[in-house]
PDB file of N, CA and C in Angstrom:
ATOM      1  N   VAL A   1     148.717  49.138  83.292  1.00  0.00           N
ATOM      2  CA  VAL A   1     147.479  49.072  82.520  1.00  0.00           C
ATOM      3  C   VAL A   1     147.087  50.477  82.071  1.00  0.00           C
ATOM      4  N   GLN A   2     146.681  50.564  80.810  1.00  0.00           N
ATOM      5  CA  GLN A   2     146.179  51.835  80.288  1.00  0.00           C
ATOM      6  C   GLN A   2     144.801  51.622  79.667  1.00  0.00           C
ATOM      7  N   LEU A   3     143.957  52.635  79.837  1.00  0.00           N
ATOM      8  CA  LEU A   3     142.601  52.595  79.285  1.00  0.00           C
ATOM      9  C   LEU A   3     142.453  53.715  78.273  1.00  0.00           C
ATOM     10  N   GLN A   4     141.887  53.403  77.126  1.00  0.00           N
ATOM     11  CA  GLN A   4     141.682  54.387  76.070  1.00  0.00           C
ATOM     12  C   GLN A   4     140.218  54.385  75.669  1.00  0.00           C
ATOM     13  N   ALA A   5     139.512  55.445  76.043  1.00  0.00           N
ATOM     14  CA  ALA A   5     138.096  55.564  75.711  1.00  0.00           C
ATOM     15  C   ALA A   5     137.915  56.282  74.383  1.00  0.00           C
ATOM     16  N   SER A   6     136.908  55.867  73.641  1.00  0.00           N
ATOM     17  CA  SER A   6     136.609  56.498  72.359  1.00  0.00           C
ATOM     18  C   SER A   6     135.133  56.314  72.031  1.00  0.00           C
ATOM     19  N   GLY A   7     134.691  57.014  70.989  1.00  0.00           N
ATOM     20  CA  GLY A   7     133.333  56.832  70.519  1.00  0.00           C
ATOM     21  C   GLY A   7     132.372  57.952  70.835  1.00  0.00           C
ATOM     22  N   GLY A   8     132.824  58.958  71.564  1.00  0.00           N
ATOM     23  CA  GLY A   8     131.948  60.069  71.887  1.00  0.00           C
ATOM     24  C   GLY A   8     131.630  60.914  70.669  1.00  0.00           C
ATOM     25  N   GLY A   9     130.665  61.814  70.834  1.00  0.00           N
ATOM     26  CA  GLY A   9     130.288  62.691  69.738  1.00  0.00           C
ATOM     27  C   GLY A   9     128.980  63.377  70.012  1.00  0.00           C
ATOM     28  N   LEU A  10     128.430  63.946  68.963  1.00  0.00           N
ATOM     29  CA  LEU A  10     127.161  64.659  69.037  1.00  0.00           C
ATOM     30  C   LEU A  10     126.050  63.749  68.508  1.00  0.00           C
ATOM     31  N   VAL A  11     124.970  63.644  69.269  1.00  0.00           N
ATOM     32  CA  VAL A  11     123.850  62.811  68.853  1.00  0.00           C
ATOM     33  C   VAL A  11     122.553  63.530  69.212  1.00  0.00           C
ATOM     34  N   GLN A  12     121.528  63.303  68.423  1.00  0.00           N
ATOM     35  CA  GLN A  12     120.238  63.923  68.702  1.00  0.00           C
ATOM     36  C   GLN A  12     119.499  63.157  69.796  1.00  0.00           C
ATOM     37  N   PRO A  13     118.625  63.811  70.511  1.00  0.00           N
ATOM     38  CA  PRO A  13     117.804  63.102  71.497  1.00  0.00           C
ATOM     39  C   PRO A  13     117.088  61.924  70.853  1.00  0.00           C
ATOM     40  N   GLY A  14     117.098  60.798  71.549  1.00  0.00           N
ATOM     41  CA  GLY A  14     116.519  59.576  71.013  1.00  0.00           C
ATOM     42  C   GLY A  14     117.492  58.729  70.230  1.00  0.00           C
ATOM     43  N   GLY A  15     118.659  59.271  69.930  1.00  0.00           N
ATOM     44  CA  GLY A  15     119.658  58.555  69.153  1.00  0.00           C
ATOM     45  C   GLY A  15     120.521  57.630  69.980  1.00  0.00           C
ATOM     46  N   SER A  16     121.537  57.057  69.325  1.00  0.00           N
ATOM     47  CA  SER A  16     122.410  56.058  69.961  1.00  0.00           C
ATOM     48  C   SER A  16     123.877  56.370  69.696  1.00  0.00           C
ATOM     49  N   LEU A  17     124.697  55.944  70.636  1.00  0.00           N
ATOM     50  CA  LEU A  17     126.152  55.969  70.494  1.00  0.00           C
ATOM     51  C   LEU A  17     126.709  54.734  71.164  1.00  0.00           C
ATOM     52  N   ARG A  18     127.863  54.288  70.708  1.00  0.00           N
ATOM     53  CA  ARG A  18     128.563  53.210  71.406  1.00  0.00           C
ATOM     54  C   ARG A  18     129.965  53.683  71.768  1.00  0.00           C
ATOM     55  N   LEU A  19     130.247  53.672  73.052  1.00  0.00           N
ATOM     56  CA  LEU A  19     131.578  54.006  73.536  1.00  0.00           C
ATOM     57  C   LEU A  19     132.412  52.730  73.666  1.00  0.00           C
ATOM     58  N   SER A  20     133.702  52.868  73.438  1.00  0.00           N
ATOM     59  CA  SER A  20     134.627  51.747  73.598  1.00  0.00           C
ATOM     60  C   SER A  20     135.722  52.140  74.579  1.00  0.00           C
ATOM     61  N   CYS A  21     136.202  51.157  75.322  1.00  0.00           N
ATOM     62  CA  CYS A  21     137.318  51.355  76.238  1.00  0.00           C
ATOM     63  C   CYS A  21     138.311  50.231  75.980  1.00  0.00           C
ATOM     64  N   ALA A  22     139.406  50.564  75.326  1.00  0.00           N
ATOM     65  CA  ALA A  22     140.433  49.576  75.008  1.00  0.00           C
ATOM     66  C   ALA A  22     141.428  49.488  76.162  1.00  0.00           C
ATOM     67  N   VAL A  23     141.703  48.267  76.597  1.00  0.00           N
ATOM     68  CA  VAL A  23     142.615  48.030  77.702  1.00  0.00           C
ATOM     69  C   VAL A  23     143.938  47.517  77.155  1.00  0.00           C
ATOM     70  N   SER A  24     145.017  48.138  77.556  1.00  0.00           N
ATOM     71  CA  SER A  24     146.338  47.689  77.119  1.00  0.00           C
ATOM     72  C   SER A  24     147.250  47.512  78.325  1.00  0.00           C
ATOM     73  N   GLY A  25     148.236  46.701  78.170  1.00  0.00           N
ATOM     74  CA  GLY A  25     149.205  46.491  79.231  1.00  0.00           C
ATOM     75  C   GLY A  25     148.950  45.240  80.057  1.00  0.00           C
ATOM     76  N   ARG A  26     147.697  44.936  80.283  1.00  0.00           N
ATOM     77  CA  ARG A  26     147.323  43.727  81.021  1.00  0.00           C
ATOM     78  C   ARG A  26     146.026  43.186  80.418  1.00  0.00           C
ATOM     79  N   THR A  27     145.707  41.981  80.765  1.00  0.00           N
ATOM     80  CA  THR A  27     144.459  41.394  80.270  1.00  0.00           C
ATOM     81  C   THR A  27     143.271  42.035  80.960  1.00  0.00           C
ATOM     82  N   ALA A  28     142.342  42.516  80.157  1.00  0.00           N
ATOM     83  CA  ALA A  28     141.178  43.217  80.706  1.00  0.00           C
ATOM     84  C   ALA A  28     140.354  42.325  81.616  1.00  0.00           C
ATOM     85  N   SER A  29     140.399  41.016  81.367  1.00  0.00           N
ATOM     86  CA  SER A  29     139.572  40.101  82.154  1.00  0.00           C
ATOM     87  C   SER A  29     140.019  40.011  83.607  1.00  0.00           C
ATOM     88  N   ASN A  30     141.159  40.611  83.933  1.00  0.00           N
ATOM     89  CA  ASN A  30     141.610  40.647  85.326  1.00  0.00           C
ATOM     90  C   ASN A  30     140.902  41.720  86.140  1.00  0.00           C
ATOM     91  N   TYR A  31     140.116  42.563  85.482  1.00  0.00           N
ATOM     92  CA  TYR A  31     139.560  43.738  86.137  1.00  0.00           C
ATOM     93  C   TYR A  31     138.039  43.797  86.018  1.00  0.00           C
ATOM     94  N   ASN A  32     137.412  44.255  87.086  1.00  0.00           N
ATOM     95  CA  ASN A  32     136.041  44.735  86.993  1.00  0.00           C
ATOM     96  C   ASN A  32     136.105  46.115  86.345  1.00  0.00           C
ATOM     97  N   MET A  33     135.189  46.383  85.446  1.00  0.00           N
ATOM     98  CA  MET A  33     135.236  47.617  84.673  1.00  0.00           C
ATOM     99  C   MET A  33     133.952  48.422  84.858  1.00  0.00           C
ATOM    100  N   ALA A  34     134.075  49.731  84.678  1.00  0.00           N
ATOM    101  CA  ALA A  34     132.902  50.590  84.842  1.00  0.00           C
ATOM    102  C   ALA A  34     133.017  51.815  83.958  1.00  0.00           C
ATOM    103  N   TRP A  35     131.885  52.425  83.747  1.00  0.00           N
ATOM    104  CA  TRP A  35     131.805  53.729  83.103  1.00  0.00           C
ATOM    105  C   TRP A  35     131.247  54.727  84.115  1.00  0.00           C
ATOM    106  N   PHE A  36     131.857  55.896  84.133  1.00  0.00           N
ATOM    107  CA  PHE A  36     131.374  57.026  84.906  1.00  0.00           C
ATOM    108  C   PHE A  36     131.201  58.198  83.942  1.00  0.00           C
ATOM    109  N   ARG A  37     130.497  59.203  84.396  1.00  0.00           N
ATOM    110  CA  ARG A  37     130.364  60.405  83.578  1.00  0.00           C
ATOM    111  C   ARG A  37     130.374  61.641  84.455  1.00  0.00           C
ATOM    112  N   GLN A  38     130.765  62.750  83.845  1.00  0.00           N
ATOM    113  CA  GLN A  38     130.789  64.021  84.570  1.00  0.00           C
ATOM    114  C   GLN A  38     130.314  65.121  83.648  1.00  0.00           C
ATOM    115  N   ALA A  39     129.203  65.720  84.032  1.00  0.00           N
ATOM    116  CA  ALA A  39     128.649  66.845  83.292  1.00  0.00           C
ATOM    117  C   ALA A  39     129.281  68.130  83.808  1.00  0.00           C
ATOM    118  N   PRO A  40     129.277  69.189  82.993  1.00  0.00           N
ATOM    119  CA  PRO A  40     129.871  70.461  83.420  1.00  0.00           C
ATOM    120  C   PRO A  40     129.254  70.958  84.726  1.00  0.00           C
ATOM    121  N   GLY A  41     130.120  71.272  85.683  1.00  0.00           N
ATOM    122  CA  GLY A  41     129.648  71.810  86.950  1.00  0.00           C
ATOM    123  C   GLY A  41     129.072  70.796  87.908  1.00  0.00           C
ATOM    124  N   LYS A  42     129.154  69.511  87.543  1.00  0.00           N
ATOM    125  CA  LYS A  42     128.583  68.465  88.399  1.00  0.00           C
ATOM    126  C   LYS A  42     129.655  67.464  88.798  1.00  0.00           C
ATOM    127  N   ALA A  43     129.333  66.706  89.842  1.00  0.00           N
ATOM    128  CA  ALA A  43     130.260  65.674  90.302  1.00  0.00           C
ATOM    129  C   ALA A  43     130.251  64.475  89.356  1.00  0.00           C
ATOM    130  N   ARG A  44     131.329  63.719  89.375  1.00  0.00           N
ATOM    131  CA  ARG A  44     131.394  62.506  88.568  1.00  0.00           C
ATOM    132  C   ARG A  44     130.395  61.496  89.135  1.00  0.00           C
ATOM    133  N   GLU A  45     129.655  60.820  88.237  1.00  0.00           N
ATOM    134  CA  GLU A  45     128.661  59.875  88.697  1.00  0.00           C
ATOM    135  C   GLU A  45     128.818  58.528  88.004  1.00  0.00           C
ATOM    136  N   PHE A  46     128.425  57.502  88.716  1.00  0.00           N
ATOM    137  CA  PHE A  46     128.470  56.140  88.206  1.00  0.00           C
ATOM    138  C   PHE A  46     127.425  55.941  87.125  1.00  0.00           C
ATOM    139  N   VAL A  47     127.785  55.194  86.082  1.00  0.00           N
ATOM    140  CA  VAL A  47     126.855  54.889  84.997  1.00  0.00           C
ATOM    141  C   VAL A  47     126.557  53.391  84.942  1.00  0.00           C
ATOM    142  N   ALA A  48     127.619  52.574  84.803  1.00  0.00           N
ATOM    143  CA  ALA A  48     127.427  51.134  84.656  1.00  0.00           C
ATOM    144  C   ALA A  48     128.715  50.413  85.000  1.00  0.00           C
ATOM    145  N   ALA A  49     128.579  49.146  85.425  1.00  0.00           N
ATOM    146  CA  ALA A  49     129.745  48.329  85.752  1.00  0.00           C
ATOM    147  C   ALA A  49     129.536  46.911  85.264  1.00  0.00           C
ATOM    148  N   ILE A  50     130.642  46.215  85.022  1.00  0.00           N
ATOM    149  CA  ILE A  50     130.594  44.830  84.577  1.00  0.00           C
ATOM    150  C   ILE A  50     131.722  44.064  85.268  1.00  0.00           C
ATOM    151  N   ARG A  51     131.395  42.860  85.733  1.00  0.00           N
ATOM    152  CA  ARG A  51     132.393  42.064  86.438  1.00  0.00           C
ATOM    153  C   ARG A  51     133.401  41.454  85.470  1.00  0.00           C
ATOM    154  N   ARG A  52     134.483  40.950  86.042  1.00  0.00           N
ATOM    155  CA  ARG A  52     135.557  40.378  85.218  1.00  0.00           C
ATOM    156  C   ARG A  52     135.030  39.372  84.205  1.00  0.00           C
ATOM    157  N   SER A  53     134.161  38.500  84.670  1.00  0.00           N
ATOM    158  CA  SER A  53     133.654  37.427  83.817  1.00  0.00           C
ATOM    159  C   SER A  53     132.701  37.930  82.754  1.00  0.00           C
ATOM    160  N   GLY A  54     132.138  39.109  82.996  1.00  0.00           N
ATOM    161  CA  GLY A  54     131.116  39.623  82.095  1.00  0.00           C
ATOM    162  C   GLY A  54     129.720  39.136  82.438  1.00  0.00           C
ATOM    163  N   THR A  55     129.634  38.296  83.460  1.00  0.00           N
ATOM    164  CA  THR A  55     128.351  37.695  83.813  1.00  0.00           C
ATOM    165  C   THR A  55     127.409  38.677  84.485  1.00  0.00           C
ATOM    166  N   TYR A  56     127.967  39.520  85.333  1.00  0.00           N
ATOM    167  CA  TYR A  56     127.135  40.433  86.106  1.00  0.00           C
ATOM    168  C   TYR A  56     127.361  41.872  85.667  1.00  0.00           C
ATOM    169  N   THR A  57     126.261  42.596  85.594  1.00  0.00           N
ATOM    170  CA  THR A  57     126.307  44.021  85.287  1.00  0.00           C
ATOM    171  C   THR A  57     125.439  44.784  86.280  1.00  0.00           C
ATOM    172  N   TYR A  58     125.682  46.075  86.359  1.00  0.00           N
ATOM    173  CA  TYR A  58     124.907  46.930  87.262  1.00  0.00           C
ATOM    174  C   TYR A  58     124.828  48.313  86.654  1.00  0.00           C
ATOM    175  N   TYR A  59     123.652  48.941  86.804  1.00  0.00           N
ATOM    176  CA  TYR A  59     123.425  50.230  86.163  1.00  0.00           C
ATOM    177  C   TYR A  59     122.877  51.257  87.142  1.00  0.00           C
ATOM    178  N   ALA A  60     123.207  52.504  86.880  1.00  0.00           N
ATOM    179  CA  ALA A  60     122.546  53.596  87.591  1.00  0.00           C
ATOM    180  C   ALA A  60     121.090  53.648  87.140  1.00  0.00           C
ATOM    181  N   ASP A  61     120.218  54.047  88.037  1.00  0.00           N
ATOM    182  CA  ASP A  61     118.793  54.097  87.710  1.00  0.00           C
ATOM    183  C   ASP A  61     118.520  55.008  86.508  1.00  0.00           C
ATOM    184  N   SER A  62     119.323  56.044  86.368  1.00  0.00           N
ATOM    185  CA  SER A  62     119.084  57.032  85.314  1.00  0.00           C
ATOM    186  C   SER A  62     119.327  56.466  83.908  1.00  0.00           C
ATOM    187  N   VAL A  63     120.058  55.355  83.810  1.00  0.00           N
ATOM    188  CA  VAL A  63     120.365  54.799  82.485  1.00  0.00           C
ATOM    189  C   VAL A  63     119.810  53.395  82.298  1.00  0.00           C
ATOM    190  N   LYS A  64     119.262  52.817  83.356  1.00  0.00           N
ATOM    191  CA  LYS A  64     118.773  51.438  83.292  1.00  0.00           C
ATOM    192  C   LYS A  64     117.713  51.309  82.205  1.00  0.00           C
ATOM    193  N   GLY A  65     117.861  50.288  81.368  1.00  0.00           N
ATOM    194  CA  GLY A  65     116.925  50.063  80.279  1.00  0.00           C
ATOM    195  C   GLY A  65     117.283  50.808  79.002  1.00  0.00           C
ATOM    196  N   ARG A  66     118.235  51.725  79.083  1.00  0.00           N
ATOM    197  CA  ARG A  66     118.662  52.487  77.886  1.00  0.00           C
ATOM    198  C   ARG A  66     120.121  52.197  77.511  1.00  0.00           C
ATOM    199  N   PHE A  67     120.952  51.974  78.523  1.00  0.00           N
ATOM    200  CA  PHE A  67     122.376  51.730  78.292  1.00  0.00           C
ATOM    201  C   PHE A  67     122.690  50.261  78.554  1.00  0.00           C
ATOM    202  N   THR A  68     123.679  49.749  77.818  1.00  0.00           N
ATOM    203  CA  THR A  68     124.134  48.370  78.012  1.00  0.00           C
ATOM    204  C   THR A  68     125.652  48.328  78.042  1.00  0.00           C
ATOM    205  N   ILE A  69     126.202  47.786  79.121  1.00  0.00           N
ATOM    206  CA  ILE A  69     127.647  47.597  79.213  1.00  0.00           C
ATOM    207  C   ILE A  69     127.971  46.158  78.844  1.00  0.00           C
ATOM    208  N   SER A  70     129.061  45.984  78.108  1.00  0.00           N
ATOM    209  CA  SER A  70     129.482  44.646  77.709  1.00  0.00           C
ATOM    210  C   SER A  70     130.997  44.631  77.563  1.00  0.00           C
ATOM    211  N   ARG A  71     131.546  43.433  77.411  1.00  0.00           N
ATOM    212  CA  ARG A  71     132.991  43.328  77.229  1.00  0.00           C
ATOM    213  C   ARG A  71     133.302  42.187  76.279  1.00  0.00           C
ATOM    214  N   ASP A  72     134.376  42.379  75.535  1.00  0.00           N
ATOM    215  CA  ASP A  72     134.848  41.379  74.592  1.00  0.00           C
ATOM    216  C   ASP A  72     136.271  41.022  75.017  1.00  0.00           C
ATOM    217  N   HIS A  73     136.412  39.861  75.652  1.00  0.00           N
ATOM    218  CA  HIS A  73     137.725  39.476  76.169  1.00  0.00           C
ATOM    219  C   HIS A  73     138.729  39.299  75.041  1.00  0.00           C
ATOM    220  N   SER A  74     138.273  38.840  73.886  1.00  0.00           N
ATOM    221  CA  SER A  74     139.197  38.601  72.770  1.00  0.00           C
ATOM    222  C   SER A  74     139.795  39.904  72.245  1.00  0.00           C
ATOM    223  N   LYS A  75     139.059  41.005  72.455  1.00  0.00           N
ATOM    224  CA  LYS A  75     139.537  42.307  71.984  1.00  0.00           C
ATOM    225  C   LYS A  75     140.035  43.179  73.130  1.00  0.00           C
ATOM    226  N   ASN A  76     139.966  42.650  74.356  1.00  0.00           N
ATOM    227  CA  ASN A  76     140.415  43.431  75.520  1.00  0.00           C
ATOM    228  C   ASN A  76     139.718  44.792  75.579  1.00  0.00           C
ATOM    229  N   THR A  77     138.428  44.777  75.309  1.00  0.00           N
ATOM    230  CA  THR A  77     137.670  46.020  75.187  1.00  0.00           C
ATOM    231  C   THR A  77     136.342  45.919  75.936  1.00  0.00           C
ATOM    232  N   VAL A  78     135.955  47.032  76.527  1.00  0.00           N
ATOM    233  CA  VAL A  78     134.664  47.164  77.193  1.00  0.00           C
ATOM    234  C   VAL A  78     133.853  48.214  76.433  1.00  0.00           C
ATOM    235  N   TYR A  79     132.555  47.962  76.301  1.00  0.00           N
ATOM    236  CA  TYR A  79     131.683  48.842  75.527  1.00  0.00           C
ATOM    237  C   TYR A  79     130.569  49.422  76.390  1.00  0.00           C
ATOM    238  N   LEU A  80     130.072  50.557  75.970  1.00  0.00           N
ATOM    239  CA  LEU A  80     128.850  51.113  76.553  1.00  0.00           C
ATOM    240  C   LEU A  80     127.941  51.515  75.401  1.00  0.00           C
ATOM    241  N   GLN A  81     126.911  50.713  75.170  1.00  0.00           N
ATOM    242  CA  GLN A  81     125.916  51.025  74.151  1.00  0.00           C
ATOM    243  C   GLN A  81     124.872  51.924  74.768  1.00  0.00           C
ATOM    244  N   MET A  82     124.683  53.095  74.195  1.00  0.00           N
ATOM    245  CA  MET A  82     123.759  54.085  74.738  1.00  0.00           C
ATOM    246  C   MET A  82     122.637  54.308  73.725  1.00  0.00           C
ATOM    247  N   ASP A  83     121.432  53.953  74.102  1.00  0.00           N
ATOM    248  CA  ASP A  83     120.252  54.096  73.249  1.00  0.00           C
ATOM    249  C   ASP A  83     119.254  55.045  73.885  1.00  0.00           C
ATOM    250  N   ARG A  84     118.346  55.524  73.081  1.00  0.00           N
ATOM    251  CA  ARG A  84     117.288  56.442  73.554  1.00  0.00           C
ATOM    252  C   ARG A  84     117.899  57.538  74.421  1.00  0.00           C
ATOM    253  N   MET A  85     118.889  58.165  73.880  1.00  0.00           N
ATOM    254  CA  MET A  85     119.637  59.130  74.651  1.00  0.00           C
ATOM    255  C   MET A  85     118.843  60.407  74.894  1.00  0.00           C
ATOM    256  N   LYS A  86     119.187  61.052  76.014  1.00  0.00           N
ATOM    257  CA  LYS A  86     118.497  62.258  76.453  1.00  0.00           C
ATOM    258  C   LYS A  86     119.520  63.387  76.611  1.00  0.00           C
ATOM    259  N   PRO A  87     119.054  64.623  76.560  1.00  0.00           N
ATOM    260  CA  PRO A  87     119.992  65.746  76.769  1.00  0.00           C
ATOM    261  C   PRO A  87     120.743  65.641  78.096  1.00  0.00           C
ATOM    262  N   GLU A  88     120.105  65.086  79.107  1.00  0.00           N
ATOM    263  CA  GLU A  88     120.776  64.970  80.406  1.00  0.00           C
ATOM    264  C   GLU A  88     121.875  63.908  80.420  1.00  0.00           C
ATOM    265  N   ASP A  89     122.040  63.161  79.322  1.00  0.00           N
ATOM    266  CA  ASP A  89     123.166  62.238  79.202  1.00  0.00           C
ATOM    267  C   ASP A  89     124.442  62.960  78.753  1.00  0.00           C
ATOM    268  N   THR A  90     124.326  64.241  78.422  1.00  0.00           N
ATOM    269  CA  THR A  90     125.487  65.022  78.001  1.00  0.00           C
ATOM    270  C   THR A  90     126.524  65.092  79.111  1.00  0.00           C
ATOM    271  N   ALA A  91     127.747  64.664  78.816  1.00  0.00           N
ATOM    272  CA  ALA A  91     128.811  64.618  79.822  1.00  0.00           C
ATOM    273  C   ALA A  91     130.091  64.108  79.168  1.00  0.00           C
ATOM    274  N   ASP A  92     131.177  64.209  79.914  1.00  0.00           N
ATOM    275  CA  ASP A  92     132.396  63.478  79.570  1.00  0.00           C
ATOM    276  C   ASP A  92     132.285  62.095  80.205  1.00  0.00           C
ATOM    277  N   TYR A  93     132.519  61.060  79.412  1.00  0.00           N
ATOM    278  CA  TYR A  93     132.397  59.691  79.887  1.00  0.00           C
ATOM    279  C   TYR A  93     133.794  59.086  80.066  1.00  0.00           C
ATOM    280  N   TYR A  94     133.972  58.419  81.207  1.00  0.00           N
ATOM    281  CA  TYR A  94     135.260  57.831  81.573  1.00  0.00           C
ATOM    282  C   TYR A  94     135.100  56.335  81.840  1.00  0.00           C
ATOM    283  N   CYS A  95     136.043  55.545  81.359  1.00  0.00           N
ATOM    284  CA  CYS A  95     136.068  54.145  81.767  1.00  0.00           C
ATOM    285  C   CYS A  95     137.094  53.983  82.884  1.00  0.00           C
ATOM    286  N   ALA A  96     136.851  52.996  83.738  1.00  0.00           N
ATOM    287  CA  ALA A  96     137.697  52.775  84.904  1.00  0.00           C
ATOM    288  C   ALA A  96     137.807  51.289  85.190  1.00  0.00           C
ATOM    289  N   ALA A  97     138.904  50.916  85.849  1.00  0.00           N
ATOM    290  CA  ALA A  97     139.173  49.508  86.151  1.00  0.00           C
ATOM    291  C   ALA A  97     139.486  49.329  87.624  1.00  0.00           C
ATOM    292  N   ALA A  98     138.945  48.246  88.199  1.00  0.00           N
ATOM    293  CA  ALA A  98     139.214  47.894  89.596  1.00  0.00           C
ATOM    294  C   ALA A  98     139.722  46.459  89.633  1.00  0.00           C
ATOM    295  N   LYS A  99     140.862  46.261  90.314  1.00  0.00           N
ATOM    296  CA  LYS A  99     141.486  44.937  90.306  1.00  0.00           C
ATOM    297  C   LYS A  99     140.657  43.920  91.070  1.00  0.00           C
ATOM    298  N   SER A 100     140.141  44.297  92.226  1.00  0.00           N
ATOM    299  CA  SER A 100     139.489  43.296  93.057  1.00  0.00           C
ATOM    300  C   SER A 100     138.098  43.692  93.539  1.00  0.00           C
ATOM    301  N   ARG A 101     137.833  44.973  93.631  1.00  0.00           N
ATOM    302  CA  ARG A 101     136.556  45.398  94.199  1.00  0.00           C
ATOM    303  C   ARG A 101     135.437  45.358  93.165  1.00  0.00           C
ATOM    304  N   TRP A 102     134.251  44.928  93.589  1.00  0.00           N
ATOM    305  CA  TRP A 102     133.032  45.059  92.800  1.00  0.00           C
ATOM    306  C   TRP A 102     132.293  46.237  93.412  1.00  0.00           C
ATOM    307  N   THR A 103     132.429  47.391  92.803  1.00  0.00           N
ATOM    308  CA  THR A 103     132.011  48.628  93.437  1.00  0.00           C
ATOM    309  C   THR A 103     131.476  49.603  92.411  1.00  0.00           C
ATOM    310  N   PHE A 104     130.714  50.561  92.899  1.00  0.00           N
ATOM    311  CA  PHE A 104     130.136  51.593  92.034  1.00  0.00           C
ATOM    312  C   PHE A 104     130.580  52.979  92.501  1.00  0.00           C
ATOM    313  N   VAL A 105     131.628  53.007  93.301  1.00  0.00           N
ATOM    314  CA  VAL A 105     132.154  54.241  93.871  1.00  0.00           C
ATOM    315  C   VAL A 105     133.434  54.610  93.128  1.00  0.00           C
ATOM    316  N   SER A 106     133.477  55.822  92.604  1.00  0.00           N
ATOM    317  CA  SER A 106     134.591  56.213  91.733  1.00  0.00           C
ATOM    318  C   SER A 106     135.942  56.135  92.442  1.00  0.00           C
ATOM    319  N   THR A 107     135.983  56.481  93.704  1.00  0.00           N
ATOM    320  CA  THR A 107     137.264  56.508  94.418  1.00  0.00           C
ATOM    321  C   THR A 107     137.852  55.125  94.638  1.00  0.00           C
ATOM    322  N   GLU A 108     137.066  54.083  94.402  1.00  0.00           N
ATOM    323  CA  GLU A 108     137.557  52.720  94.587  1.00  0.00           C
ATOM    324  C   GLU A 108     138.061  52.093  93.295  1.00  0.00           C
ATOM    325  N   TYR A 109     138.059  52.839  92.217  1.00  0.00           N
ATOM    326  CA  TYR A 109     138.644  52.376  90.960  1.00  0.00           C
ATOM    327  C   TYR A 109     140.066  52.910  90.848  1.00  0.00           C
ATOM    328  N   GLU A 110     140.994  51.998  90.569  1.00  0.00           N
ATOM    329  CA  GLU A 110     142.418  52.359  90.605  1.00  0.00           C
ATOM    330  C   GLU A 110     142.927  52.966  89.295  1.00  0.00           C
ATOM    331  N   ILE A 111     142.306  52.590  88.186  1.00  0.00           N
ATOM    332  CA  ILE A 111     142.835  52.976  86.880  1.00  0.00           C
ATOM    333  C   ILE A 111     141.745  53.668  86.084  1.00  0.00           C
ATOM    334  N   TRP A 112     142.111  54.777  85.446  1.00  0.00           N
ATOM    335  CA  TRP A 112     141.145  55.589  84.691  1.00  0.00           C
ATOM    336  C   TRP A 112     141.679  55.883  83.304  1.00  0.00           C
ATOM    337  N   GLY A 113     140.755  55.927  82.341  1.00  0.00           N
ATOM    338  CA  GLY A 113     141.094  56.406  81.025  1.00  0.00           C
ATOM    339  C   GLY A 113     140.792  57.893  80.917  1.00  0.00           C
ATOM    340  N   GLN A 114     141.154  58.471  79.794  1.00  0.00           N
ATOM    341  CA  GLN A 114     140.795  59.867  79.565  1.00  0.00           C
ATOM    342  C   GLN A 114     139.316  59.906  79.181  1.00  0.00           C
ATOM    343  N   GLY A 115     138.691  61.034  79.291  1.00  0.00           N
ATOM    344  CA  GLY A 115     137.277  61.131  78.987  1.00  0.00           C
ATOM    345  C   GLY A 115     137.008  61.215  77.490  1.00  0.00           C
ATOM    346  N   THR A 116     135.815  60.810  77.122  1.00  0.00           N
ATOM    347  CA  THR A 116     135.334  61.029  75.761  1.00  0.00           C
ATOM    348  C   THR A 116     134.021  61.804  75.866  1.00  0.00           C
ATOM    349  N   GLN A 117     133.907  62.862  75.110  1.00  0.00           N
ATOM    350  CA  GLN A 117     132.791  63.787  75.273  1.00  0.00           C
ATOM    351  C   GLN A 117     131.560  63.320  74.505  1.00  0.00           C
ATOM    352  N   VAL A 118     130.443  63.356  75.182  1.00  0.00           N
ATOM    353  CA  VAL A 118     129.155  63.002  74.580  1.00  0.00           C
ATOM    354  C   VAL A 118     128.211  64.184  74.735  1.00  0.00           C
ATOM    355  N   THR A 119     127.629  64.614  73.630  1.00  0.00           N
ATOM    356  CA  THR A 119     126.670  65.721  73.646  1.00  0.00           C
ATOM    357  C   THR A 119     125.386  65.259  72.992  1.00  0.00           C
ATOM    358  N   VAL A 120     124.293  65.413  73.716  1.00  0.00           N
ATOM    359  CA  VAL A 120     122.970  65.049  73.201  1.00  0.00           C
ATOM    360  C   VAL A 120     122.196  66.340  73.015  1.00  0.00           C
ATOM    361  N   SER A 121     121.972  66.676  71.759  1.00  0.00           N
ATOM    362  CA  SER A 121     121.333  67.951  71.462  1.00  0.00           C
ATOM    363  C   SER A 121     120.751  67.920  70.062  1.00  0.00           C
ATOM    364  N   SER A 122     119.658  68.657  69.903  1.00  0.00           N
ATOM    365  CA  SER A 122     119.070  68.780  68.569  1.00  0.00           C
ATOM    366  C   SER A 122     119.587  70.021  67.865  1.00  0.00           C
TER     367      SER A 122
END
């Protein structure tokens, strides 16, 4: 399985971006998926997760109400819609896949994509 993240860029505070994570090699619906982020000089942190079925989602408190994770099984893709963005959302964003665990801990995700850079600045 390979994950390909895209959609990062520069956005002004209050703006929106949508990140995509394309899954190849296996059916994405076999995996629980998540987004993590890592700002310069900081540890990687959990952002959002979605279960295989897409029924359940979970968010970090820092993004709850502003970010939305979703998945499209027909496109084998997971999305992160980011609205009302803040400068503190600036980071490299990574998508990750877990075969069986429903978890928010980065070390429990087996498969990672490359990061996509997000900068929130005026």
